[in-house]
């Protein structure tokens, strides 16, 4: 990444290669999430095919207060 950069080399020697550690941790978390989410993607939504989801089921955005008709 940084070529011929004594400041960066010194920081890595003192503190460790933080960008490399961060990248490895992000890759590990991504692999774990892919493993955990695999069963859900294999079975679709989890609802029976003959019974559609009820209208209004799930998360919805709340209506903001506004002028009220009197």
C-alpha atoms as a PDB file:
ATOM      1  CA  UNK A   1       0.000   0.000   0.000  1.00  0.00           C
ATOM      2  CA  UNK A   2       2.584   2.579   1.087  1.00  0.00           C
ATOM      3  CA  UNK A   3       5.921   2.242  -0.646  1.00  0.00           C
ATOM      4  CA  UNK A   4       9.068   3.733   0.807  1.00  0.00           C
ATOM      5  CA  UNK A   5       7.227   5.491   3.627  1.00  0.00           C
ATOM      6  CA  UNK A   6       9.310   5.598   6.808  1.00  0.00           C
ATOM      7  CA  UNK A   7       6.509   7.190   8.835  1.00  0.00           C
ATOM      8  CA  UNK A   8       4.058   4.410   7.937  1.00  0.00           C
ATOM      9  CA  UNK A   9       6.690   1.726   8.539  1.00  0.00           C
ATOM     10  CA  UNK A  10       7.404   3.173  11.975  1.00  0.00           C
ATOM     11  CA  UNK A  11       3.707   3.315  12.873  1.00  0.00           C
ATOM     12  CA  UNK A  12       3.262  -0.311  11.806  1.00  0.00           C
ATOM     13  CA  UNK A  13       6.258  -1.310  13.900  1.00  0.00           C
ATOM     14  CA  UNK A  14       4.887   0.567  16.942  1.00  0.00           C
ATOM     15  CA  UNK A  15       1.153  -0.098  16.667  1.00  0.00           C
ATOM     16  CA  UNK A  16       0.729  -2.982  14.244  1.00  0.00           C
ATOM     17  CA  UNK A  17      -0.784  -2.978  10.769  1.00  0.00           C
ATOM     18  CA  UNK A  18      -4.265  -1.725  11.701  1.00  0.00           C
ATOM     19  CA  UNK A  19      -5.625  -1.538   8.105  1.00  0.00           C
ATOM     20  CA  UNK A  20      -4.594  -5.167   7.531  1.00  0.00           C
ATOM     21  CA  UNK A  21      -6.136  -6.297  10.828  1.00  0.00           C
ATOM     22  CA  UNK A  22      -9.340  -4.398  10.049  1.00  0.00           C
ATOM     23  CA  UNK A  23      -9.577  -5.936   6.568  1.00  0.00           C
ATOM     24  CA  UNK A  24      -9.076  -9.460   7.957  1.00  0.00           C
ATOM     25  CA  UNK A  25     -11.701  -8.914  10.653  1.00  0.00           C
ATOM     26  CA  UNK A  26     -14.189  -7.591   8.084  1.00  0.00           C
ATOM     27  CA  UNK A  27     -13.584 -10.638   5.880  1.00  0.00           C
ATOM     28  CA  UNK A  28     -14.096 -12.956   8.870  1.00  0.00           C
ATOM     29  CA  UNK A  29     -17.375 -11.253   9.811  1.00  0.00           C
ATOM     30  CA  UNK A  30     -18.542 -11.429   6.187  1.00  0.00           C
ATOM     31  CA  UNK A  31     -17.852 -15.174   6.070  1.00  0.00           C
ATOM     32  CA  UNK A  32     -19.712 -15.721   9.341  1.00  0.00           C
ATOM     33  CA  UNK A  33     -22.718 -13.730   8.128  1.00  0.00           C
ATOM     34  CA  UNK A  34     -22.818 -15.680   4.869  1.00  0.00           C
ATOM     35  CA  UNK A  35     -22.780 -18.929   6.857  1.00  0.00           C
ATOM     36  CA  UNK A  36     -25.505 -17.791   9.259  1.00  0.00           C
ATOM     37  CA  UNK A  37     -27.759 -16.360   6.527  1.00  0.00           C
ATOM     38  CA  UNK A  38     -27.442 -19.410   4.252  1.00  0.00           C
ATOM     39  CA  UNK A  39     -30.399 -21.349   5.751  1.00  0.00           C
ATOM     40  CA  UNK A  40     -32.728 -18.385   5.307  1.00  0.00           C
ATOM     41  CA  UNK A  41     -31.850 -17.891   1.661  1.00  0.00           C
ATOM     42  CA  UNK A  42     -32.305 -21.623   0.982  1.00  0.00           C
ATOM     43  CA  UNK A  43     -35.889 -21.606   2.262  1.00  0.00           C
ATOM     44  CA  UNK A  44     -37.031 -18.274   0.861  1.00  0.00           C
ATOM     45  CA  UNK A  45     -39.166 -16.060   3.063  1.00  0.00           C
ATOM     46  CA  UNK A  46     -40.252 -18.842   5.422  1.00  0.00           C
ATOM     47  CA  UNK A  47     -43.956 -18.328   4.643  1.00  0.00           C
ATOM     48  CA  UNK A  48     -46.048 -21.116   3.154  1.00  0.00           C
ATOM     49  CA  UNK A  49     -46.630 -20.660  -0.571  1.00  0.00           C
ATOM     50  CA  UNK A  50     -50.432 -20.910  -0.244  1.00  0.00           C
ATOM     51  CA  UNK A  51     -50.637 -18.183   2.429  1.00  0.00           C
ATOM     52  CA  UNK A  52     -49.382 -14.749   1.390  1.00  0.00           C
ATOM     53  CA  UNK A  53     -48.189 -12.298   4.005  1.00  0.00           C
ATOM     54  CA  UNK A  54     -50.933 -10.281   5.648  1.00  0.00           C
ATOM     55  CA  UNK A  55     -51.137  -6.670   4.530  1.00  0.00           C
ATOM     56  CA  UNK A  56     -49.325  -4.448   6.981  1.00  0.00           C
ATOM     57  CA  UNK A  57     -47.240  -7.296   8.378  1.00  0.00           C
ATOM     58  CA  UNK A  58     -43.648  -6.498   9.190  1.00  0.00           C
ATOM     59  CA  UNK A  59     -41.872  -3.239   9.843  1.00  0.00           C
ATOM     60  CA  UNK A  60     -43.472  -0.063   8.613  1.00  0.00           C
ATOM     61  CA  UNK A  61     -42.486   3.538   8.727  1.00  0.00           C
ATOM     62  CA  UNK A  62     -44.567   5.531  11.218  1.00  0.00           C
ATOM     63  CA  UNK A  63     -46.657   8.386   9.883  1.00  0.00           C
ATOM     64  CA  UNK A  64     -45.304  11.782  10.815  1.00  0.00           C
ATOM     65  CA  UNK A  65     -47.589  14.171  12.648  1.00  0.00           C
ATOM     66  CA  UNK A  66     -49.005  16.847  10.444  1.00  0.00           C
ATOM     67  CA  UNK A  67     -51.959  19.131  10.083  1.00  0.00           C
ATOM     68  CA  UNK A  68     -55.179  17.503  11.183  1.00  0.00           C
ATOM     69  CA  UNK A  69     -58.504  18.028   9.416  1.00  0.00           C
ATOM     70  CA  UNK A  70     -61.043  19.504  11.817  1.00  0.00           C
END
